[in-house]
Amino acid sequence: MSKRAVVAGLGLMVVLGACNRYGPSQAYTTPGWYLEKPRLMMVAGPEIFAGPMTYEECEARRTSFPPSASSNLLCIMEKTMPGPYGPYTASPPTPKS
């Protein structure tokens, strides 16, 4: 295996690790409306910009972005902690004690 492949692989892991900074596991605090940018192809799940808030606050925050960016953002009601792919999957089941 060449040194370039090893360095490229390590660089890719660092970049993917940085993508999880605003993921659901870090940003979710309580149920409510969250401003999210879904990323279907990323293992890290959606990028959460703000929340929890009311729906009106979420829409106001979403429309404050430029039109090219705001069209990619969604206000999503999260009642439980989002799964690894955001609103597209359920949270993992909680173990029974």
PDB file of N, CA and C in Angstrom:
ATOM      1  N   MET A   1       0.855  -1.172   0.000  1.00  0.00           N
ATOM      2  CA  MET A   1       0.000   0.000   0.000  1.00  0.00           C
ATOM      3  C   MET A   1       0.902   1.237   0.000  1.00  0.00           C
ATOM      4  N   SER A   2       0.575   2.175  -0.836  1.00  0.00           N
ATOM      5  CA  SER A   2       1.440   3.346  -0.944  1.00  0.00           C
ATOM      6  C   SER A   2       1.158   4.345   0.176  1.00  0.00           C
ATOM      7  N   LYS A   3       2.133   5.185   0.423  1.00  0.00           N
ATOM      8  CA  LYS A   3       1.991   6.202   1.466  1.00  0.00           C
ATOM      9  C   LYS A   3       0.899   7.207   1.101  1.00  0.00           C
ATOM     10  N   ARG A   4       0.751   7.476  -0.197  1.00  0.00           N
ATOM     11  CA  ARG A   4      -0.290   8.419  -0.630  1.00  0.00           C
ATOM     12  C   ARG A   4      -1.679   7.906  -0.268  1.00  0.00           C
ATOM     13  N   ALA A   5      -1.919   6.626  -0.453  1.00  0.00           N
ATOM     14  CA  ALA A   5      -3.229   6.051  -0.137  1.00  0.00           C
ATOM     15  C   ALA A   5      -3.508   6.144   1.363  1.00  0.00           C
ATOM     16  N   VAL A   6      -2.498   5.898   2.175  1.00  0.00           N
ATOM     17  CA  VAL A   6      -2.666   5.981   3.631  1.00  0.00           C
ATOM     18  C   VAL A   6      -2.954   7.417   4.045  1.00  0.00           C
ATOM     19  N   VAL A   7      -2.196   8.362   3.507  1.00  0.00           N
ATOM     20  CA  VAL A   7      -2.409   9.776   3.843  1.00  0.00           C
ATOM     21  C   VAL A   7      -3.781  10.230   3.371  1.00  0.00           C
ATOM     22  N   ALA A   8      -4.193   9.817   2.170  1.00  0.00           N
ATOM     23  CA  ALA A   8      -5.513  10.184   1.652  1.00  0.00           C
ATOM     24  C   ALA A   8      -6.622   9.599   2.522  1.00  0.00           C
ATOM     25  N   GLY A   9      -6.455   8.361   2.955  1.00  0.00           N
ATOM     26  CA  GLY A   9      -7.449   7.738   3.819  1.00  0.00           C
ATOM     27  C   GLY A   9      -7.570   8.436   5.160  1.00  0.00           C
ATOM     28  N   LEU A  10      -6.434   8.786   5.743  1.00  0.00           N
ATOM     29  CA  LEU A  10      -6.464   9.513   7.020  1.00  0.00           C
ATOM     30  C   LEU A  10      -7.098  10.887   6.847  1.00  0.00           C
ATOM     31  N   GLY A  11      -6.788  11.557   5.750  1.00  0.00           N
ATOM     32  CA  GLY A  11      -7.389  12.865   5.486  1.00  0.00           C
ATOM     33  C   GLY A  11      -8.900  12.767   5.328  1.00  0.00           C
ATOM     34  N   LEU A  12      -9.357  11.732   4.652  1.00  0.00           N
ATOM     35  CA  LEU A  12     -10.792  11.524   4.472  1.00  0.00           C
ATOM     36  C   LEU A  12     -11.484  11.279   5.803  1.00  0.00           C
ATOM     37  N   MET A  13     -10.872  10.513   6.685  1.00  0.00           N
ATOM     38  CA  MET A  13     -11.467  10.266   8.004  1.00  0.00           C
ATOM     39  C   MET A  13     -11.566  11.551   8.813  1.00  0.00           C
ATOM     40  N   VAL A  14     -10.548  12.399   8.726  1.00  0.00           N
ATOM     41  CA  VAL A  14     -10.580  13.674   9.452  1.00  0.00           C
ATOM     42  C   VAL A  14     -11.698  14.549   8.919  1.00  0.00           C
ATOM     43  N   VAL A  15     -11.838  14.622   7.603  1.00  0.00           N
ATOM     44  CA  VAL A  15     -12.885  15.447   7.000  1.00  0.00           C
ATOM     45  C   VAL A  15     -14.267  14.931   7.371  1.00  0.00           C
ATOM     46  N   LEU A  16     -14.488  13.632   7.298  1.00  0.00           N
ATOM     47  CA  LEU A  16     -15.783  13.075   7.663  1.00  0.00           C
ATOM     48  C   LEU A  16     -16.076  13.242   9.146  1.00  0.00           C
ATOM     49  N   GLY A  17     -15.068  13.177   9.972  1.00  0.00           N
ATOM     50  CA  GLY A  17     -15.259  13.414  11.398  1.00  0.00           C
ATOM     51  C   GLY A  17     -15.659  14.844  11.681  1.00  0.00           C
ATOM     52  N   ALA A  18     -15.148  15.777  10.908  1.00  0.00           N
ATOM     53  CA  ALA A  18     -15.496  17.187  11.091  1.00  0.00           C
ATOM     54  C   ALA A  18     -16.923  17.459  10.655  1.00  0.00           C
ATOM     55  N   CYS A  19     -17.452  16.667   9.735  1.00  0.00           N
ATOM     56  CA  CYS A  19     -18.823  16.875   9.257  1.00  0.00           C
ATOM     57  C   CYS A  19     -19.846  16.598  10.351  1.00  0.00           C
ATOM     58  N   ASN A  20     -19.528  15.809  11.320  1.00  0.00           N
ATOM     59  CA  ASN A  20     -20.470  15.433  12.359  1.00  0.00           C
ATOM     60  C   ASN A  20     -20.597  16.489  13.458  1.00  0.00           C
ATOM     61  N   ARG A  21     -19.964  17.622  13.306  1.00  0.00           N
ATOM     62  CA  ARG A  21     -19.949  18.639  14.343  1.00  0.00           C
ATOM     63  C   ARG A  21     -21.338  19.157  14.684  1.00  0.00           C
ATOM     64  N   TYR A  22     -22.200  19.305  13.694  1.00  0.00           N
ATOM     65  CA  TYR A  22     -23.541  19.831  13.929  1.00  0.00           C
ATOM     66  C   TYR A  22     -24.603  18.772  13.699  1.00  0.00           C
ATOM     67  N   GLY A  23     -24.263  17.535  13.927  1.00  0.00           N
ATOM     68  CA  GLY A  23     -25.183  16.444  13.683  1.00  0.00           C
ATOM     69  C   GLY A  23     -26.253  16.347  14.754  1.00  0.00           C
ATOM     70  N   PRO A  24     -27.230  15.475  14.533  1.00  0.00           N
ATOM     71  CA  PRO A  24     -28.338  15.352  15.460  1.00  0.00           C
ATOM     72  C   PRO A  24     -27.934  14.913  16.852  1.00  0.00           C
ATOM     73  N   SER A  25     -26.899  14.107  16.976  1.00  0.00           N
ATOM     74  CA  SER A  25     -26.525  13.630  18.306  1.00  0.00           C
ATOM     75  C   SER A  25     -25.951  14.747  19.170  1.00  0.00           C
ATOM     76  N   GLN A  26     -25.379  15.790  18.565  1.00  0.00           N
ATOM     77  CA  GLN A  26     -24.834  16.901  19.336  1.00  0.00           C
ATOM     78  C   GLN A  26     -25.841  18.035  19.509  1.00  0.00           C
ATOM     79  N   ALA A  27     -26.700  18.259  18.520  1.00  0.00           N
ATOM     80  CA  ALA A  27     -27.556  19.440  18.524  1.00  0.00           C
ATOM     81  C   ALA A  27     -28.916  19.207  19.173  1.00  0.00           C
ATOM     82  N   TYR A  28     -29.395  17.983  19.221  1.00  0.00           N
ATOM     83  CA  TYR A  28     -30.721  17.716  19.774  1.00  0.00           C
ATOM     84  C   TYR A  28     -30.696  17.888  21.288  1.00  0.00           C
ATOM     85  N   THR A  29     -31.582  18.733  21.812  1.00  0.00           N
ATOM     86  CA  THR A  29     -31.667  18.913  23.256  1.00  0.00           C
ATOM     87  C   THR A  29     -33.040  18.534  23.792  1.00  0.00           C
ATOM     88  N   THR A  30     -34.101  19.032  23.172  1.00  0.00           N
ATOM     89  CA  THR A  30     -35.475  18.725  23.582  1.00  0.00           C
ATOM     90  C   THR A  30     -36.354  18.663  22.346  1.00  0.00           C
ATOM     91  N   PRO A  31     -37.563  18.124  22.459  1.00  0.00           N
ATOM     92  CA  PRO A  31     -38.465  18.130  21.305  1.00  0.00           C
ATOM     93  C   PRO A  31     -38.789  19.555  20.862  1.00  0.00           C
ATOM     94  N   GLY A  32     -38.968  19.734  19.589  1.00  0.00           N
ATOM     95  CA  GLY A  32     -39.315  21.040  19.031  1.00  0.00           C
ATOM     96  C   GLY A  32     -38.952  21.116  17.567  1.00  0.00           C
ATOM     97  N   TRP A  33     -39.077  22.301  16.995  1.00  0.00           N
ATOM     98  CA  TRP A  33     -38.754  22.533  15.589  1.00  0.00           C
ATOM     99  C   TRP A  33     -37.270  22.835  15.455  1.00  0.00           C
ATOM    100  N   TYR A  34     -36.625  22.149  14.519  1.00  0.00           N
ATOM    101  CA  TYR A  34     -35.205  22.338  14.264  1.00  0.00           C
ATOM    102  C   TYR A  34     -35.008  22.724  12.801  1.00  0.00           C
ATOM    103  N   LEU A  35     -34.094  23.658  12.558  1.00  0.00           N
ATOM    104  CA  LEU A  35     -33.731  24.050  11.205  1.00  0.00           C
ATOM    105  C   LEU A  35     -32.603  23.136  10.749  1.00  0.00           C
ATOM    106  N   GLU A  36     -32.885  22.321   9.728  1.00  0.00           N
ATOM    107  CA  GLU A  36     -31.942  21.298   9.305  1.00  0.00           C
ATOM    108  C   GLU A  36     -31.680  21.359   7.809  1.00  0.00           C
ATOM    109  N   LYS A  37     -30.514  20.872   7.436  1.00  0.00           N
ATOM    110  CA  LYS A  37     -30.173  20.662   6.029  1.00  0.00           C
ATOM    111  C   LYS A  37     -29.925  19.173   5.872  1.00  0.00           C
ATOM    112  N   PRO A  38     -30.862  18.463   5.239  1.00  0.00           N
ATOM    113  CA  PRO A  38     -30.682  17.019   5.086  1.00  0.00           C
ATOM    114  C   PRO A  38     -29.496  16.701   4.192  1.00  0.00           C
ATOM    115  N   ARG A  39     -28.790  15.635   4.525  1.00  0.00           N
ATOM    116  CA  ARG A  39     -27.686  15.144   3.696  1.00  0.00           C
ATOM    117  C   ARG A  39     -27.872  13.642   3.569  1.00  0.00           C
ATOM    118  N   LEU A  40     -28.510  13.220   2.484  1.00  0.00           N
ATOM    119  CA  LEU A  40     -28.833  11.804   2.321  1.00  0.00           C
ATOM    120  C   LEU A  40     -27.602  10.927   2.169  1.00  0.00           C
ATOM    121  N   MET A  41     -26.553  11.439   1.583  1.00  0.00           N
ATOM    122  CA  MET A  41     -25.396  10.607   1.286  1.00  0.00           C
ATOM    123  C   MET A  41     -24.341  10.627   2.396  1.00  0.00           C
ATOM    124  N   MET A  42     -24.536  11.406   3.435  1.00  0.00           N
ATOM    125  CA  MET A  42     -23.543  11.503   4.499  1.00  0.00           C
ATOM    126  C   MET A  42     -23.942  10.615   5.671  1.00  0.00           C
ATOM    127  N   VAL A  43     -23.016   9.881   6.184  1.00  0.00           N
ATOM    128  CA  VAL A  43     -23.266   9.010   7.327  1.00  0.00           C
ATOM    129  C   VAL A  43     -23.534   9.837   8.574  1.00  0.00           C
ATOM    130  N   ALA A  44     -23.031  11.060   8.606  1.00  0.00           N
ATOM    131  CA  ALA A  44     -23.170  11.903   9.790  1.00  0.00           C
ATOM    132  C   ALA A  44     -24.587  12.396  10.005  1.00  0.00           C
ATOM    133  N   GLY A  45     -25.473  12.256   9.032  1.00  0.00           N
ATOM    134  CA  GLY A  45     -26.844  12.713   9.174  1.00  0.00           C
ATOM    135  C   GLY A  45     -26.986  14.171   8.786  1.00  0.00           C
ATOM    136  N   PRO A  46     -28.102  14.799   9.153  1.00  0.00           N
ATOM    137  CA  PRO A  46     -28.343  16.165   8.731  1.00  0.00           C
ATOM    138  C   PRO A  46     -27.482  17.155   9.508  1.00  0.00           C
ATOM    139  N   GLU A  47     -27.321  18.329   8.938  1.00  0.00           N
ATOM    140  CA  GLU A  47     -26.649  19.411   9.642  1.00  0.00           C
ATOM    141  C   GLU A  47     -27.735  20.250  10.289  1.00  0.00           C
ATOM    142  N   ILE A  48     -27.676  20.424  11.590  1.00  0.00           N
ATOM    143  CA  ILE A  48     -28.695  21.173  12.313  1.00  0.00           C
ATOM    144  C   ILE A  48     -28.158  22.566  12.590  1.00  0.00           C
ATOM    145  N   PHE A  49     -28.897  23.588  12.132  1.00  0.00           N
ATOM    146  CA  PHE A  49     -28.463  24.967  12.284  1.00  0.00           C
ATOM    147  C   PHE A  49     -28.999  25.617  13.553  1.00  0.00           C
ATOM    148  N   ALA A  50     -30.219  25.301  13.935  1.00  0.00           N
ATOM    149  CA  ALA A  50     -30.813  25.946  15.107  1.00  0.00           C
ATOM    150  C   ALA A  50     -31.951  25.093  15.635  1.00  0.00           C
ATOM    151  N   GLY A  51     -32.281  25.311  16.894  1.00  0.00           N
ATOM    152  CA  GLY A  51     -33.421  24.642  17.498  1.00  0.00           C
ATOM    153  C   GLY A  51     -33.139  24.344  18.953  1.00  0.00           C
ATOM    154  N   PRO A  52     -34.095  23.949  19.672  1.00  0.00           N
ATOM    155  CA  PRO A  52     -35.506  23.884  19.342  1.00  0.00           C
ATOM    156  C   PRO A  52     -36.138  25.268  19.404  1.00  0.00           C
ATOM    157  N   MET A  53     -37.212  25.437  18.641  1.00  0.00           N
ATOM    158  CA  MET A  53     -37.927  26.712  18.586  1.00  0.00           C
ATOM    159  C   MET A  53     -39.335  26.457  18.087  1.00  0.00           C
ATOM    160  N   THR A  54     -40.139  27.515  18.001  1.00  0.00           N
ATOM    161  CA  THR A  54     -41.483  27.382  17.446  1.00  0.00           C
ATOM    162  C   THR A  54     -41.380  27.352  15.929  1.00  0.00           C
ATOM    163  N   TYR A  55     -42.455  26.940  15.290  1.00  0.00           N
ATOM    164  CA  TYR A  55     -42.442  26.857  13.830  1.00  0.00           C
ATOM    165  C   TYR A  55     -42.239  28.237  13.202  1.00  0.00           C
ATOM    166  N   GLU A  56     -42.882  29.256  13.758  1.00  0.00           N
ATOM    167  CA  GLU A  56     -42.745  30.607  13.214  1.00  0.00           C
ATOM    168  C   GLU A  56     -41.303  31.101  13.319  1.00  0.00           C
ATOM    169  N   GLU A  57     -40.648  30.838  14.454  1.00  0.00           N
ATOM    170  CA  GLU A  57     -39.240  31.229  14.616  1.00  0.00           C
ATOM    171  C   GLU A  57     -38.360  30.475  13.624  1.00  0.00           C
ATOM    172  N   CYS A  58     -38.665  29.208  13.404  1.00  0.00           N
ATOM    173  CA  CYS A  58     -37.875  28.396  12.481  1.00  0.00           C
ATOM    174  C   CYS A  58     -38.004  28.914  11.049  1.00  0.00           C
ATOM    175  N   GLU A  59     -39.222  29.228  10.619  1.00  0.00           N
ATOM    176  CA  GLU A  59     -39.416  29.765   9.268  1.00  0.00           C
ATOM    177  C   GLU A  59     -38.754  31.131   9.120  1.00  0.00           C
ATOM    178  N   ALA A  60     -38.822  31.957  10.152  1.00  0.00           N
ATOM    179  CA  ALA A  60     -38.158  33.267  10.095  1.00  0.00           C
ATOM    180  C   ALA A  60     -36.649  33.091   9.973  1.00  0.00           C
ATOM    181  N   ARG A  61     -36.089  32.150  10.707  1.00  0.00           N
ATOM    182  CA  ARG A  61     -34.651  31.889  10.640  1.00  0.00           C
ATOM    183  C   ARG A  61     -34.270  31.335   9.281  1.00  0.00           C
ATOM    184  N   ARG A  62     -35.118  30.439   8.732  1.00  0.00           N
ATOM    185  CA  ARG A  62     -34.845  29.836   7.423  1.00  0.00           C
ATOM    186  C   ARG A  62     -34.862  30.877   6.315  1.00  0.00           C
ATOM    187  N   THR A  63     -35.823  31.790   6.341  1.00  0.00           N
ATOM    188  CA  THR A  63     -35.918  32.805   5.291  1.00  0.00           C
ATOM    189  C   THR A  63     -34.890  33.912   5.456  1.00  0.00           C
ATOM    190  N   SER A  64     -34.182  33.955   6.577  1.00  0.00           N
ATOM    191  CA  SER A  64     -33.131  34.964   6.750  1.00  0.00           C
ATOM    192  C   SER A  64     -31.873  34.605   5.960  1.00  0.00           C
ATOM    193  N   PHE A  65     -31.757  33.349   5.518  1.00  0.00           N
ATOM    194  CA  PHE A  65     -30.632  32.932   4.684  1.00  0.00           C
ATOM    195  C   PHE A  65     -30.871  33.378   3.242  1.00  0.00           C
ATOM    196  N   PRO A  66     -29.823  33.463   2.420  1.00  0.00           N
ATOM    197  CA  PRO A  66     -30.024  33.791   0.999  1.00  0.00           C
ATOM    198  C   PRO A  66     -30.933  32.741   0.334  1.00  0.00           C
ATOM    199  N   PRO A  67     -31.682  33.131  -0.706  1.00  0.00           N
ATOM    200  CA  PRO A  67     -32.617  32.189  -1.339  1.00  0.00           C
ATOM    201  C   PRO A  67     -31.962  30.891  -1.813  1.00  0.00           C
ATOM    202  N   SER A  68     -30.725  30.959  -2.268  1.00  0.00           N
ATOM    203  CA  SER A  68     -30.067  29.734  -2.732  1.00  0.00           C
ATOM    204  C   SER A  68     -29.833  28.759  -1.583  1.00  0.00           C
ATOM    205  N   ALA A  69     -29.620  29.263  -0.392  1.00  0.00           N
ATOM    206  CA  ALA A  69     -29.400  28.393   0.767  1.00  0.00           C
ATOM    207  C   ALA A  69     -30.707  28.012   1.450  1.00  0.00           C
ATOM    208  N   SER A  70     -31.642  28.946   1.550  1.00  0.00           N
ATOM    209  CA  SER A  70     -32.879  28.671   2.288  1.00  0.00           C
ATOM    210  C   SER A  70     -33.741  27.616   1.605  1.00  0.00           C
ATOM    211  N   SER A  71     -33.593  27.460   0.291  1.00  0.00           N
ATOM    212  CA  SER A  71     -34.385  26.430  -0.393  1.00  0.00           C
ATOM    213  C   SER A  71     -33.911  25.024  -0.028  1.00  0.00           C
ATOM    214  N   ASN A  72     -32.715  24.885   0.504  1.00  0.00           N
ATOM    215  CA  ASN A  72     -32.184  23.580   0.904  1.00  0.00           C
ATOM    216  C   ASN A  72     -32.401  23.274   2.378  1.00  0.00           C
ATOM    217  N   LEU A  73     -32.949  24.210   3.135  1.00  0.00           N
ATOM    218  CA  LEU A  73     -33.161  24.017   4.566  1.00  0.00           C
ATOM    219  C   LEU A  73     -34.603  23.623   4.838  1.00  0.00           C
ATOM    220  N   LEU A  74     -34.802  22.826   5.873  1.00  0.00           N
ATOM    221  CA  LEU A  74     -36.136  22.382   6.261  1.00  0.00           C
ATOM    222  C   LEU A  74     -36.366  22.652   7.731  1.00  0.00           C
ATOM    223  N   CYS A  75     -37.586  23.037   8.075  1.00  0.00           N
ATOM    224  CA  CYS A  75     -37.998  23.106   9.470  1.00  0.00           C
ATOM    225  C   CYS A  75     -38.670  21.775   9.787  1.00  0.00           C
ATOM    226  N   ILE A  76     -38.077  21.026  10.684  1.00  0.00           N
ATOM    227  CA  ILE A  76     -38.560  19.685  10.978  1.00  0.00           C
ATOM    228  C   ILE A  76     -38.882  19.569  12.455  1.00  0.00           C
ATOM    229  N   MET A  77     -40.075  19.049  12.734  1.00  0.00           N
ATOM    230  CA  MET A  77     -40.483  18.807  14.119  1.00  0.00           C
ATOM    231  C   MET A  77     -39.860  17.500  14.580  1.00  0.00           C
ATOM    232  N   GLU A  78     -38.943  17.603  15.520  1.00  0.00           N
ATOM    233  CA  GLU A  78     -38.286  16.418  16.077  1.00  0.00           C
ATOM    234  C   GLU A  78     -38.904  16.145  17.439  1.00  0.00           C
ATOM    235  N   LYS A  79     -39.651  15.056  17.544  1.00  0.00           N
ATOM    236  CA  LYS A  79     -40.268  14.697  18.822  1.00  0.00           C
ATOM    237  C   LYS A  79     -39.342  13.831  19.661  1.00  0.00           C
ATOM    238  N   THR A  80     -38.467  13.108  18.977  1.00  0.00           N
ATOM    239  CA  THR A  80     -37.448  12.312  19.661  1.00  0.00           C
ATOM    240  C   THR A  80     -36.118  12.596  18.973  1.00  0.00           C
ATOM    241  N   MET A  81     -35.058  12.143  19.547  1.00  0.00           N
ATOM    242  CA  MET A  81     -33.747  12.358  18.947  1.00  0.00           C
ATOM    243  C   MET A  81     -33.701  11.738  17.559  1.00  0.00           C
ATOM    244  N   PRO A  82     -33.280  12.520  16.534  1.00  0.00           N
ATOM    245  CA  PRO A  82     -33.254  11.976  15.178  1.00  0.00           C
ATOM    246  C   PRO A  82     -32.286  10.812  15.050  1.00  0.00           C
ATOM    247  N   GLY A  83     -32.601   9.935  14.121  1.00  0.00           N
ATOM    248  CA  GLY A  83     -31.725   8.808  13.838  1.00  0.00           C
ATOM    249  C   GLY A  83     -30.505   9.257  13.048  1.00  0.00           C
ATOM    250  N   PRO A  84     -29.701   8.325  12.598  1.00  0.00           N
ATOM    251  CA  PRO A  84     -28.452   8.686  11.920  1.00  0.00           C
ATOM    252  C   PRO A  84     -28.659   9.439  10.612  1.00  0.00           C
ATOM    253  N   TYR A  85     -29.838   9.337   9.996  1.00  0.00           N
ATOM    254  CA  TYR A  85     -30.096  10.040   8.748  1.00  0.00           C
ATOM    255  C   TYR A  85     -31.169  11.104   8.919  1.00  0.00           C
ATOM    256  N   GLY A  86     -31.324  11.631  10.123  1.00  0.00           N
ATOM    257  CA  GLY A  86     -32.263  12.706  10.380  1.00  0.00           C
ATOM    258  C   GLY A  86     -33.706  12.246  10.317  1.00  0.00           C
ATOM    259  N   PRO A  87     -34.554  13.012   9.635  1.00  0.00           N
ATOM    260  CA  PRO A  87     -35.985  12.679   9.644  1.00  0.00           C
ATOM    261  C   PRO A  87     -36.320  11.433   8.837  1.00  0.00           C
ATOM    262  N   TYR A  88     -35.352  10.870   8.135  1.00  0.00           N
ATOM    263  CA  TYR A  88     -35.623   9.742   7.258  1.00  0.00           C
ATOM    264  C   TYR A  88     -35.537   8.407   7.977  1.00  0.00           C
ATOM    265  N   THR A  89     -35.037   8.389   9.189  1.00  0.00           N
ATOM    266  CA  THR A  89     -34.977   7.147   9.959  1.00  0.00           C
ATOM    267  C   THR A  89     -35.411   7.434  11.387  1.00  0.00           C
ATOM    268  N   ALA A  90     -35.866   6.426  12.034  1.00  0.00           N
ATOM    269  CA  ALA A  90     -36.279   6.574  13.427  1.00  0.00           C
ATOM    270  C   ALA A  90     -35.059   6.485  14.334  1.00  0.00           C
ATOM    271  N   SER A  91     -35.254   6.935  15.550  1.00  0.00           N
ATOM    272  CA  SER A  91     -34.186   6.809  16.544  1.00  0.00           C
ATOM    273  C   SER A  91     -33.965   5.338  16.855  1.00  0.00           C
ATOM    274  N   PRO A  92     -32.752   4.999  17.274  1.00  0.00           N
ATOM    275  CA  PRO A  92     -32.534   3.605  17.668  1.00  0.00           C
ATOM    276  C   PRO A  92     -33.391   3.271  18.874  1.00  0.00           C
ATOM    277  N   PRO A  93     -33.867   2.040  18.967  1.00  0.00           N
ATOM    278  CA  PRO A  93     -34.713   1.687  20.111  1.00  0.00           C
ATOM    279  C   PRO A  93     -33.934   1.781  21.414  1.00  0.00           C
ATOM    280  N   THR A  94     -34.614   2.232  22.429  1.00  0.00           N
ATOM    281  CA  THR A  94     -33.969   2.311  23.740  1.00  0.00           C
ATOM    282  C   THR A  94     -34.011   0.935  24.381  1.00  0.00           C
ATOM    283  N   PRO A  95     -32.904   0.508  24.976  1.00  0.00           N
ATOM    284  CA  PRO A  95     -32.884  -0.818  25.582  1.00  0.00           C
ATOM    285  C   PRO A  95     -33.798  -0.866  26.805  1.00  0.00           C
ATOM    286  N   LYS A  96     -34.493  -1.978  26.954  1.00  0.00           N
ATOM    287  CA  LYS A  96     -35.371  -2.159  28.131  1.00  0.00           C
ATOM    288  C   LYS A  96     -34.507  -2.600  29.304  1.00  0.00           C
ATOM    289  N   SER A  97     -34.805  -2.005  30.452  1.00  0.00           N
ATOM    290  CA  SER A  97     -34.005  -2.365  31.627  1.00  0.00           C
ATOM    291  C   SER A  97     -34.715  -3.346  32.509  1.00  0.00           C
TER     292      SER A  97
END
